[in-house]
C-alpha cells in the first residue's frame, strides 16, 4: 500500500495556508453530502468533522460511515481533498463518557 503524501506539515514548510483566529471554519456533516466541499464555496483550506459522526449513538464503536471512510484510505481520500481537518470531540455526554457511564461525577 502506497501512502499518499499531503506535504510537509512542519511549521516552516506547510503547503496549506495557516488559518487565523478570525477565519470561519465550516463543519462538514458526514450525514449531509451538501456540506462535503466547503473549500469550494468558502475561502478556507480547513474543515471540522465531528467525532460523533464517526461512532454509533452511544459512542461505544465506530459506525458504517467510519468504515466507509477507512476503506478508501482516510478522510482526505474520501473527500479527494488535502486540506486541514479538525476532529471535534464536542459531542453529547453519552458519546464522550461511555466507558464511565456507571460512574457518578
PDB file of N, CA and C in Angstrom:
ATOM      1  N   UNK A   1       0.839  -1.186   0.000  1.00  0.00           N
ATOM      2  CA  UNK A   1       0.000   0.000   0.000  1.00  0.00           C
ATOM      3  C   UNK A   1       0.878   1.241   0.000  1.00  0.00           C
ATOM      4  N   UNK A   2       0.665   2.110  -0.942  1.00  0.00           N
ATOM      5  CA  UNK A   2       1.412   3.351  -1.019  1.00  0.00           C
ATOM      6  C   UNK A   2       0.671   4.440  -0.260  1.00  0.00           C
ATOM      7  N   UNK A   3       1.367   5.041   0.676  1.00  0.00           N
ATOM      8  CA  UNK A   3       0.758   6.132   1.434  1.00  0.00           C
ATOM      9  C   UNK A   3       0.765   7.393   0.588  1.00  0.00           C
ATOM     10  N   UNK A   4      -0.322   8.088   0.560  1.00  0.00           N
ATOM     11  CA  UNK A   4      -0.428   9.337  -0.175  1.00  0.00           C
ATOM     12  C   UNK A   4       0.178  10.452   0.663  1.00  0.00           C
ATOM     13  N   UNK A   5       1.052  11.229   0.080  1.00  0.00           N
ATOM     14  CA  UNK A   5       1.686  12.317   0.804  1.00  0.00           C
ATOM     15  C   UNK A   5       0.866  13.592   0.658  1.00  0.00           C
ATOM     16  N   UNK A   6       0.611  14.244   1.749  1.00  0.00           N
ATOM     17  CA  UNK A   6      -0.125  15.502   1.728  1.00  0.00           C
ATOM     18  C   UNK A   6       0.799  16.676   2.022  1.00  0.00           C
ATOM     19  N   UNK A   7       2.099  16.454   1.870  1.00  0.00           N
ATOM     20  CA  UNK A   7       3.045  17.546   2.047  1.00  0.00           C
ATOM     21  C   UNK A   7       3.734  17.496   3.397  1.00  0.00           C
ATOM     22  N   UNK A   8       4.676  18.391   3.541  1.00  0.00           N
ATOM     23  CA  UNK A   8       5.440  18.513   4.778  1.00  0.00           C
ATOM     24  C   UNK A   8       4.664  19.416   5.723  1.00  0.00           C
ATOM     25  N   UNK A   9       4.248  18.880   6.857  1.00  0.00           N
ATOM     26  CA  UNK A   9       3.419  19.646   7.784  1.00  0.00           C
ATOM     27  C   UNK A   9       4.220  20.341   8.876  1.00  0.00           C
ATOM     28  N   UNK A  10       5.531  20.493   8.669  1.00  0.00           N
ATOM     29  CA  UNK A  10       6.317  21.230   9.661  1.00  0.00           C
ATOM     30  C   UNK A  10       5.901  22.690   9.642  1.00  0.00           C
ATOM     31  N   UNK A  11       6.116  23.359  10.730  1.00  0.00           N
ATOM     32  CA  UNK A  11       5.632  24.738  10.857  1.00  0.00           C
ATOM     33  C   UNK A  11       6.268  25.691   9.851  1.00  0.00           C
ATOM     34  N   UNK A  12       7.465  25.402   9.360  1.00  0.00           N
ATOM     35  CA  UNK A  12       8.138  26.307   8.438  1.00  0.00           C
ATOM     36  C   UNK A  12       7.877  25.998   6.964  1.00  0.00           C
ATOM     37  N   UNK A  13       7.347  24.839   6.665  1.00  0.00           N
ATOM     38  CA  UNK A  13       7.180  24.455   5.269  1.00  0.00           C
ATOM     39  C   UNK A  13       5.827  23.805   5.048  1.00  0.00           C
ATOM     40  N   UNK A  14       4.778  24.484   5.421  1.00  0.00           N
ATOM     41  CA  UNK A  14       3.426  23.918   5.314  1.00  0.00           C
ATOM     42  C   UNK A  14       2.806  24.299   3.979  1.00  0.00           C
ATOM     43  N   UNK A  15       2.334  23.310   3.200  1.00  0.00           N
ATOM     44  CA  UNK A  15       1.782  23.605   1.880  1.00  0.00           C
ATOM     45  C   UNK A  15       0.401  24.259   1.905  1.00  0.00           C
ATOM     46  N   UNK A  16      -0.243  24.274   3.056  1.00  0.00           N
ATOM     47  CA  UNK A  16      -1.592  24.810   3.184  1.00  0.00           C
ATOM     48  C   UNK A  16      -1.532  26.055   4.043  1.00  0.00           C
ATOM     49  N   UNK A  17      -2.221  27.096   3.607  1.00  0.00           N
ATOM     50  CA  UNK A  17      -2.167  28.338   4.381  1.00  0.00           C
ATOM     51  C   UNK A  17      -2.669  28.113   5.806  1.00  0.00           C
ATOM     52  N   UNK A  18      -2.003  28.684   6.794  1.00  0.00           N
ATOM     53  CA  UNK A  18      -2.490  28.552   8.172  1.00  0.00           C
ATOM     54  C   UNK A  18      -3.781  29.329   8.344  1.00  0.00           C
ATOM     55  N   UNK A  19      -4.616  28.893   9.261  1.00  0.00           N
ATOM     56  CA  UNK A  19      -5.846  29.647   9.498  1.00  0.00           C
ATOM     57  C   UNK A  19      -5.601  30.674  10.593  1.00  0.00           C
ATOM     58  N   UNK A  20      -6.356  31.727  10.530  1.00  0.00           N
ATOM     59  CA  UNK A  20      -6.207  32.786  11.516  1.00  0.00           C
ATOM     60  C   UNK A  20      -7.347  32.696  12.511  1.00  0.00           C
ATOM     61  N   UNK A  21      -7.212  33.421  13.608  1.00  0.00           N
ATOM     62  CA  UNK A  21      -8.224  33.364  14.657  1.00  0.00           C
ATOM     63  C   UNK A  21      -9.559  33.960  14.226  1.00  0.00           C
ATOM     64  N   UNK A  22      -9.577  34.735  13.149  1.00  0.00           N
ATOM     65  CA  UNK A  22     -10.840  35.314  12.695  1.00  0.00           C
ATOM     66  C   UNK A  22     -11.408  34.582  11.473  1.00  0.00           C
ATOM     67  N   UNK A  23     -10.823  33.465  11.093  1.00  0.00           N
ATOM     68  CA  UNK A  23     -11.321  32.687   9.963  1.00  0.00           C
ATOM     69  C   UNK A  23     -12.500  31.819  10.389  1.00  0.00           C
ATOM     70  N   UNK A  24     -13.507  31.764   9.551  1.00  0.00           N
ATOM     71  CA  UNK A  24     -14.643  30.883   9.800  1.00  0.00           C
ATOM     72  C   UNK A  24     -14.284  29.509   9.245  1.00  0.00           C
ATOM     73  N   UNK A  25     -14.371  28.489  10.097  1.00  0.00           N
ATOM     74  CA  UNK A  25     -14.033  27.136   9.678  1.00  0.00           C
ATOM     75  C   UNK A  25     -15.326  26.328   9.641  1.00  0.00           C
ATOM     76  N   UNK A  26     -15.730  25.879   8.453  1.00  0.00           N
ATOM     77  CA  UNK A  26     -17.007  25.173   8.331  1.00  0.00           C
ATOM     78  C   UNK A  26     -16.972  23.767   8.909  1.00  0.00           C
ATOM     79  N   UNK A  27     -18.142  23.329   9.366  1.00  0.00           N
ATOM     80  CA  UNK A  27     -18.319  21.972   9.867  1.00  0.00           C
ATOM     81  C   UNK A  27     -18.880  21.132   8.737  1.00  0.00           C
ATOM     82  N   UNK A  28     -18.220  20.016   8.440  1.00  0.00           N
ATOM     83  CA  UNK A  28     -18.717  19.068   7.449  1.00  0.00           C
ATOM     84  C   UNK A  28     -19.523  18.019   8.203  1.00  0.00           C
ATOM     85  N   UNK A  29     -20.788  17.920   7.873  1.00  0.00           N
ATOM     86  CA  UNK A  29     -21.661  16.923   8.498  1.00  0.00           C
ATOM     87  C   UNK A  29     -21.646  15.687   7.611  1.00  0.00           C
ATOM     88  N   UNK A  30     -21.099  14.595   8.109  1.00  0.00           N
ATOM     89  CA  UNK A  30     -20.939  13.403   7.288  1.00  0.00           C
ATOM     90  C   UNK A  30     -22.261  12.786   6.863  1.00  0.00           C
ATOM     91  N   UNK A  31     -23.344  13.172   7.510  1.00  0.00           N
ATOM     92  CA  UNK A  31     -24.666  12.677   7.115  1.00  0.00           C
ATOM     93  C   UNK A  31     -25.329  13.571   6.073  1.00  0.00           C
ATOM     94  N   UNK A  32     -24.690  14.691   5.712  1.00  0.00           N
ATOM     95  CA  UNK A  32     -25.258  15.643   4.749  1.00  0.00           C
ATOM     96  C   UNK A  32     -24.253  15.946   3.654  1.00  0.00           C
ATOM     97  N   UNK A  33     -24.404  15.284   2.500  1.00  0.00           N
ATOM     98  CA  UNK A  33     -23.451  15.443   1.399  1.00  0.00           C
ATOM     99  C   UNK A  33     -23.320  16.875   0.912  1.00  0.00           C
ATOM    100  N   UNK A  34     -24.355  17.688   1.079  1.00  0.00           N
ATOM    101  CA  UNK A  34     -24.269  19.072   0.608  1.00  0.00           C
ATOM    102  C   UNK A  34     -23.226  19.885   1.382  1.00  0.00           C
ATOM    103  N   UNK A  35     -22.729  19.370   2.512  1.00  0.00           N
ATOM    104  CA  UNK A  35     -21.700  20.068   3.287  1.00  0.00           C
ATOM    105  C   UNK A  35     -20.298  19.555   2.973  1.00  0.00           C
ATOM    106  N   UNK A  36     -20.167  18.590   2.067  1.00  0.00           N
ATOM    107  CA  UNK A  36     -18.895  17.904   1.837  1.00  0.00           C
ATOM    108  C   UNK A  36     -17.782  18.731   1.212  1.00  0.00           C
ATOM    109  N   UNK A  37     -18.054  19.842   0.599  1.00  0.00           N
ATOM    110  CA  UNK A  37     -16.990  20.575  -0.098  1.00  0.00           C
ATOM    111  C   UNK A  37     -16.958  22.069   0.232  1.00  0.00           C
ATOM    112  N   UNK A  38     -16.822  22.424   1.497  1.00  0.00           N
ATOM    113  CA  UNK A  38     -16.844  23.850   1.857  1.00  0.00           C
ATOM    114  C   UNK A  38     -15.688  24.637   1.245  1.00  0.00           C
ATOM    115  N   UNK A  39     -14.601  23.973   0.896  1.00  0.00           N
ATOM    116  CA  UNK A  39     -13.459  24.641   0.275  1.00  0.00           C
ATOM    117  C   UNK A  39     -13.816  25.177  -1.102  1.00  0.00           C
ATOM    118  N   UNK A  40     -14.912  24.705  -1.692  1.00  0.00           N
ATOM    119  CA  UNK A  40     -15.364  25.228  -2.991  1.00  0.00           C
ATOM    120  C   UNK A  40     -16.237  26.472  -2.852  1.00  0.00           C
ATOM    121  N   UNK A  41     -16.771  26.756  -1.675  1.00  0.00           N
ATOM    122  CA  UNK A  41     -17.649  27.911  -1.510  1.00  0.00           C
ATOM    123  C   UNK A  41     -17.251  28.819  -0.355  1.00  0.00           C
ATOM    124  N   UNK A  42     -16.092  28.543   0.262  1.00  0.00           N
ATOM    125  CA  UNK A  42     -15.543  29.442   1.276  1.00  0.00           C
ATOM    126  C   UNK A  42     -14.058  29.627   1.000  1.00  0.00           C
ATOM    127  N   UNK A  43     -13.471  30.595   1.638  1.00  0.00           N
ATOM    128  CA  UNK A  43     -12.045  30.861   1.473  1.00  0.00           C
ATOM    129  C   UNK A  43     -11.280  30.196   2.616  1.00  0.00           C
ATOM    130  N   UNK A  44     -11.313  28.859   2.642  1.00  0.00           N
ATOM    131  CA  UNK A  44     -10.620  28.129   3.693  1.00  0.00           C
ATOM    132  C   UNK A  44     -10.053  26.829   3.138  1.00  0.00           C
ATOM    133  N   UNK A  45      -9.015  26.357   3.766  1.00  0.00           N
ATOM    134  CA  UNK A  45      -8.450  25.039   3.473  1.00  0.00           C
ATOM    135  C   UNK A  45      -8.567  24.150   4.704  1.00  0.00           C
ATOM    136  N   UNK A  46      -9.553  24.450   5.540  1.00  0.00           N
ATOM    137  CA  UNK A  46      -9.741  23.731   6.789  1.00  0.00           C
ATOM    138  C   UNK A  46     -11.214  23.412   6.965  1.00  0.00           C
ATOM    139  N   UNK A  47     -11.505  22.264   7.554  1.00  0.00           N
ATOM    140  CA  UNK A  47     -12.889  21.941   7.906  1.00  0.00           C
ATOM    141  C   UNK A  47     -12.893  21.193   9.234  1.00  0.00           C
ATOM    142  N   UNK A  48     -14.051  21.139   9.845  1.00  0.00           N
ATOM    143  CA  UNK A  48     -14.239  20.436  11.115  1.00  0.00           C
ATOM    144  C   UNK A  48     -15.132  19.229  10.857  1.00  0.00           C
ATOM    145  N   UNK A  49     -14.746  18.102  11.417  1.00  0.00           N
ATOM    146  CA  UNK A  49     -15.575  16.898  11.376  1.00  0.00           C
ATOM    147  C   UNK A  49     -15.834  16.490  12.819  1.00  0.00           C
ATOM    148  N   UNK A  50     -17.079  16.208  13.121  1.00  0.00           N
ATOM    149  CA  UNK A  50     -17.445  15.828  14.492  1.00  0.00           C
ATOM    150  C   UNK A  50     -17.213  14.339  14.696  1.00  0.00           C
ATOM    151  N   UNK A  51     -16.570  14.007  15.799  1.00  0.00           N
ATOM    152  CA  UNK A  51     -16.322  12.600  16.108  1.00  0.00           C
ATOM    153  C   UNK A  51     -17.636  11.832  16.237  1.00  0.00           C
ATOM    154  N   UNK A  52     -18.699  12.508  16.664  1.00  0.00           N
ATOM    155  CA  UNK A  52     -19.982  11.827  16.824  1.00  0.00           C
ATOM    156  C   UNK A  52     -20.539  11.340  15.489  1.00  0.00           C
ATOM    157  N   UNK A  53     -20.039  11.891  14.363  1.00  0.00           N
ATOM    158  CA  UNK A  53     -20.458  11.402  13.043  1.00  0.00           C
ATOM    159  C   UNK A  53     -19.752  10.105  12.659  1.00  0.00           C
ATOM    160  N   UNK A  54     -18.764   9.699  13.451  1.00  0.00           N
ATOM    161  CA  UNK A  54     -17.959   8.523  13.137  1.00  0.00           C
ATOM    162  C   UNK A  54     -18.181   7.348  14.086  1.00  0.00           C
ATOM    163  N   UNK A  55     -19.029   7.559  15.083  1.00  0.00           N
ATOM    164  CA  UNK A  55     -19.296   6.497  16.062  1.00  0.00           C
ATOM    165  C   UNK A  55     -20.801   6.274  16.189  1.00  0.00           C
ATOM    166  N   UNK A  56     -21.161   5.136  16.778  1.00  0.00           N
ATOM    167  CA  UNK A  56     -22.596   4.872  16.956  1.00  0.00           C
ATOM    168  C   UNK A  56     -23.171   5.807  18.018  1.00  0.00           C
ATOM    169  N   UNK A  57     -24.466   5.756  18.225  1.00  0.00           N
ATOM    170  CA  UNK A  57     -25.153   6.756  19.052  1.00  0.00           C
ATOM    171  C   UNK A  57     -24.696   6.786  20.505  1.00  0.00           C
ATOM    172  N   UNK A  58     -24.206   5.674  21.035  1.00  0.00           N
ATOM    173  CA  UNK A  58     -23.718   5.721  22.423  1.00  0.00           C
ATOM    174  C   UNK A  58     -22.200   5.822  22.504  1.00  0.00           C
ATOM    175  N   UNK A  59     -21.524   5.934  21.344  1.00  0.00           N
ATOM    176  CA  UNK A  59     -20.085   6.150  21.325  1.00  0.00           C
ATOM    177  C   UNK A  59     -19.233   4.934  21.602  1.00  0.00           C
ATOM    178  N   UNK A  60     -19.821   3.748  21.627  1.00  0.00           N
ATOM    179  CA  UNK A  60     -19.057   2.555  22.001  1.00  0.00           C
ATOM    180  C   UNK A  60     -18.271   1.925  20.860  1.00  0.00           C
ATOM    181  N   UNK A  61     -18.591   2.263  19.618  1.00  0.00           N
ATOM    182  CA  UNK A  61     -17.850   1.705  18.479  1.00  0.00           C
ATOM    183  C   UNK A  61     -18.043   2.589  17.251  1.00  0.00           C
ATOM    184  N   UNK A  62     -17.157   2.375  16.276  1.00  0.00           N
ATOM    185  CA  UNK A  62     -17.262   3.146  15.036  1.00  0.00           C
ATOM    186  C   UNK A  62     -18.470   2.685  14.231  1.00  0.00           C
ATOM    187  N   UNK A  63     -18.928   3.568  13.340  1.00  0.00           N
ATOM    188  CA  UNK A  63     -20.130   3.273  12.558  1.00  0.00           C
ATOM    189  C   UNK A  63     -19.792   2.965  11.100  1.00  0.00           C
ATOM    190  N   UNK A  64     -20.828   2.792  10.278  1.00  0.00           N
ATOM    191  CA  UNK A  64     -20.641   2.468   8.857  1.00  0.00           C
ATOM    192  C   UNK A  64     -19.917   3.580   8.108  1.00  0.00           C
ATOM    193  N   UNK A  65     -20.191   4.833   8.447  1.00  0.00           N
ATOM    194  CA  UNK A  65     -19.530   5.955   7.772  1.00  0.00           C
ATOM    195  C   UNK A  65     -18.027   5.918   8.037  1.00  0.00           C
ATOM    196  N   UNK A  66     -17.637   5.631   9.266  1.00  0.00           N
ATOM    197  CA  UNK A  66     -16.217   5.494   9.593  1.00  0.00           C
ATOM    198  C   UNK A  66     -15.589   4.393   8.741  1.00  0.00           C
ATOM    199  N   UNK A  67     -16.252   3.245   8.665  1.00  0.00           N
ATOM    200  CA  UNK A  67     -15.726   2.121   7.882  1.00  0.00           C
ATOM    201  C   UNK A  67     -15.619   2.483   6.401  1.00  0.00           C
ATOM    202  N   UNK A  68     -16.591   3.223   5.896  1.00  0.00           N
ATOM    203  CA  UNK A  68     -16.580   3.663   4.503  1.00  0.00           C
ATOM    204  C   UNK A  68     -15.377   4.575   4.231  1.00  0.00           C
ATOM    205  N   UNK A  69     -15.135   5.505   5.144  1.00  0.00           N
ATOM    206  CA  UNK A  69     -14.004   6.433   5.010  1.00  0.00           C
ATOM    207  C   UNK A  69     -12.682   5.675   5.117  1.00  0.00           C
ATOM    208  N   UNK A  70     -12.584   4.780   6.088  1.00  0.00           N
ATOM    209  CA  UNK A  70     -11.358   3.997   6.278  1.00  0.00           C
ATOM    210  C   UNK A  70     -11.063   3.112   5.067  1.00  0.00           C
ATOM    211  N   UNK A  71     -12.104   2.586   4.441  1.00  0.00           N
ATOM    212  CA  UNK A  71     -11.905   1.656   3.322  1.00  0.00           C
ATOM    213  C   UNK A  71     -11.300   2.324   2.082  1.00  0.00           C
ATOM    214  N   UNK A  72     -11.428   3.650   1.969  1.00  0.00           N
ATOM    215  CA  UNK A  72     -10.836   4.344   0.820  1.00  0.00           C
ATOM    216  C   UNK A  72      -9.494   4.988   1.166  1.00  0.00           C
ATOM    217  N   UNK A  73      -9.046   4.827   2.394  1.00  0.00           N
ATOM    218  CA  UNK A  73      -7.731   5.326   2.767  1.00  0.00           C
ATOM    219  C   UNK A  73      -7.721   6.472   3.754  1.00  0.00           C
ATOM    220  N   UNK A  74      -8.871   6.968   4.157  1.00  0.00           N
ATOM    221  CA  UNK A  74      -8.916   8.056   5.125  1.00  0.00           C
ATOM    222  C   UNK A  74      -9.746   9.223   4.630  1.00  0.00           C
ATOM    223  N   UNK A  75      -9.847  10.225   5.480  1.00  0.00           N
ATOM    224  CA  UNK A  75     -10.746  11.345   5.211  1.00  0.00           C
ATOM    225  C   UNK A  75     -10.313  12.163   3.994  1.00  0.00           C
ATOM    226  N   UNK A  76      -9.007  12.331   3.786  1.00  0.00           N
ATOM    227  CA  UNK A  76      -8.543  13.102   2.634  1.00  0.00           C
ATOM    228  C   UNK A  76      -8.867  12.387   1.321  1.00  0.00           C
ATOM    229  N   UNK A  77      -8.683  11.080   1.283  1.00  0.00           N
ATOM    230  CA  UNK A  77      -9.041  10.325   0.081  1.00  0.00           C
ATOM    231  C   UNK A  77     -10.554  10.291  -0.116  1.00  0.00           C
ATOM    232  N   UNK A  78     -11.297  10.218   0.966  1.00  0.00           N
ATOM    233  CA  UNK A  78     -12.759  10.199   0.888  1.00  0.00           C
ATOM    234  C   UNK A  78     -13.298  11.479   0.249  1.00  0.00           C
ATOM    235  N   UNK A  79     -12.730  12.616   0.652  1.00  0.00           N
ATOM    236  CA  UNK A  79     -13.158  13.902   0.097  1.00  0.00           C
ATOM    237  C   UNK A  79     -12.392  14.292  -1.167  1.00  0.00           C
ATOM    238  N   UNK A  80     -11.328  13.537  -1.484  1.00  0.00           N
ATOM    239  CA  UNK A  80     -10.440  13.884  -2.596  1.00  0.00           C
ATOM    240  C   UNK A  80      -9.954  15.318  -2.424  1.00  0.00           C
ATOM    241  N   UNK A  81      -9.384  15.584  -1.252  1.00  0.00           N
ATOM    242  CA  UNK A  81      -9.005  16.932  -0.834  1.00  0.00           C
ATOM    243  C   UNK A  81      -7.850  16.812   0.142  1.00  0.00           C
ATOM    244  N   UNK A  82      -6.933  17.751   0.143  1.00  0.00           N
ATOM    245  CA  UNK A  82      -5.764  17.642   1.010  1.00  0.00           C
ATOM    246  C   UNK A  82      -5.641  18.768   2.032  1.00  0.00           C
ATOM    247  N   UNK A  83      -6.760  19.377   2.396  1.00  0.00           N
ATOM    248  CA  UNK A  83      -6.735  20.455   3.387  1.00  0.00           C
ATOM    249  C   UNK A  83      -6.622  19.936   4.811  1.00  0.00           C
ATOM    250  N   UNK A  84      -6.632  20.870   5.738  1.00  0.00           N
ATOM    251  CA  UNK A  84      -6.573  20.527   7.162  1.00  0.00           C
ATOM    252  C   UNK A  84      -7.939  20.048   7.628  1.00  0.00           C
ATOM    253  N   UNK A  85      -7.924  19.059   8.518  1.00  0.00           N
ATOM    254  CA  UNK A  85      -9.158  18.544   9.101  1.00  0.00           C
ATOM    255  C   UNK A  85      -9.022  18.607  10.614  1.00  0.00           C
ATOM    256  N   UNK A  86      -9.977  19.257  11.251  1.00  0.00           N
ATOM    257  CA  UNK A  86     -10.027  19.314  12.716  1.00  0.00           C
ATOM    258  C   UNK A  86     -11.082  18.310  13.155  1.00  0.00           C
ATOM    259  N   UNK A  87     -10.707  17.377  13.993  1.00  0.00           N
ATOM    260  CA  UNK A  87     -11.645  16.398  14.524  1.00  0.00           C
ATOM    261  C   UNK A  87     -12.179  16.941  15.843  1.00  0.00           C
ATOM    262  N   UNK A  88     -13.450  17.259  15.869  1.00  0.00           N
ATOM    263  CA  UNK A  88     -14.063  17.852  17.054  1.00  0.00           C
ATOM    264  C   UNK A  88     -14.574  16.763  17.987  1.00  0.00           C
ATOM    265  N   UNK A  89     -14.177  16.852  19.227  1.00  0.00           N
ATOM    266  CA  UNK A  89     -14.665  15.899  20.229  1.00  0.00           C
ATOM    267  C   UNK A  89     -15.881  16.431  20.971  1.00  0.00           C
ATOM    268  N   UNK A  90     -16.415  17.554  20.516  1.00  0.00           N
ATOM    269  CA  UNK A  90     -17.635  18.079  21.127  1.00  0.00           C
ATOM    270  C   UNK A  90     -18.788  17.178  20.696  1.00  0.00           C
ATOM    271  N   UNK A  91     -19.409  16.543  21.658  1.00  0.00           N
ATOM    272  CA  UNK A  91     -20.462  15.562  21.389  1.00  0.00           C
ATOM    273  C   UNK A  91     -21.311  15.412  22.645  1.00  0.00           C
ATOM    274  N   UNK A  92     -22.456  14.759  22.522  1.00  0.00           N
ATOM    275  CA  UNK A  92     -23.262  14.502  23.716  1.00  0.00           C
ATOM    276  C   UNK A  92     -22.458  13.707  24.753  1.00  0.00           C
ATOM    277  N   UNK A  93     -22.737  13.937  26.022  1.00  0.00           N
ATOM    278  CA  UNK A  93     -22.003  13.273  27.095  1.00  0.00           C
ATOM    279  C   UNK A  93     -21.975  11.757  26.945  1.00  0.00           C
ATOM    280  N   UNK A  94     -23.066  11.155  26.496  1.00  0.00           N
ATOM    281  CA  UNK A  94     -23.102   9.703  26.395  1.00  0.00           C
ATOM    282  C   UNK A  94     -22.094   9.182  25.374  1.00  0.00           C
ATOM    283  N   UNK A  95     -21.726   9.993  24.384  1.00  0.00           N
ATOM    284  CA  UNK A  95     -20.716   9.585  23.414  1.00  0.00           C
ATOM    285  C   UNK A  95     -19.319   9.740  24.004  1.00  0.00           C
ATOM    286  N   UNK A  96     -19.094  10.823  24.723  1.00  0.00           N
ATOM    287  CA  UNK A  96     -17.772  11.100  25.277  1.00  0.00           C
ATOM    288  C   UNK A  96     -17.453  10.203  26.473  1.00  0.00           C
ATOM    289  N   UNK A  97     -18.412   9.992  27.361  1.00  0.00           N
ATOM    290  CA  UNK A  97     -18.142   9.308  28.626  1.00  0.00           C
ATOM    291  C   UNK A  97     -18.619   7.867  28.682  1.00  0.00           C
ATOM    292  N   UNK A  98     -18.881   7.216  27.535  1.00  0.00           N
ATOM    293  CA  UNK A  98     -19.463   5.879  27.580  1.00  0.00           C
ATOM    294  C   UNK A  98     -18.699   4.881  28.444  1.00  0.00           C
ATOM    295  N   UNK A  99     -17.362   4.892  28.488  1.00  0.00           N
ATOM    296  CA  UNK A  99     -16.716   3.883  29.325  1.00  0.00           C
ATOM    297  C   UNK A  99     -16.945   4.112  30.824  1.00  0.00           C
ATOM    298  N   UNK A 100     -17.337   5.340  31.159  1.00  0.00           N
ATOM    299  CA  UNK A 100     -17.518   5.706  32.560  1.00  0.00           C
ATOM    300  C   UNK A 100     -18.991   5.884  32.921  1.00  0.00           C
ATOM    301  N   UNK A 101     -19.869   5.337  32.120  1.00  0.00           N
ATOM    302  CA  UNK A 101     -21.293   5.612  32.290  1.00  0.00           C
ATOM    303  C   UNK A 101     -21.841   5.193  33.647  1.00  0.00           C
ATOM    304  N   UNK A 102     -21.162   4.292  34.330  1.00  0.00           N
ATOM    305  CA  UNK A 102     -21.626   3.870  35.646  1.00  0.00           C
ATOM    306  C   UNK A 102     -21.066   4.724  36.765  1.00  0.00           C
ATOM    307  N   UNK A 103     -20.158   5.610  36.447  1.00  0.00           N
ATOM    308  CA  UNK A 103     -19.529   6.446  37.457  1.00  0.00           C
ATOM    309  C   UNK A 103     -20.341   7.718  37.649  1.00  0.00           C
ATOM    310  N   UNK A 104     -20.574   8.093  38.880  1.00  0.00           N
ATOM    311  CA  UNK A 104     -21.282   9.335  39.179  1.00  0.00           C
ATOM    312  C   UNK A 104     -20.242  10.422  39.401  1.00  0.00           C
ATOM    313  N   UNK A 105     -20.395  11.533  38.717  1.00  0.00           N
ATOM    314  CA  UNK A 105     -19.457  12.640  38.849  1.00  0.00           C
ATOM    315  C   UNK A 105     -19.953  13.641  39.847  1.00  0.00           C
TER     316      UNK A 105
END
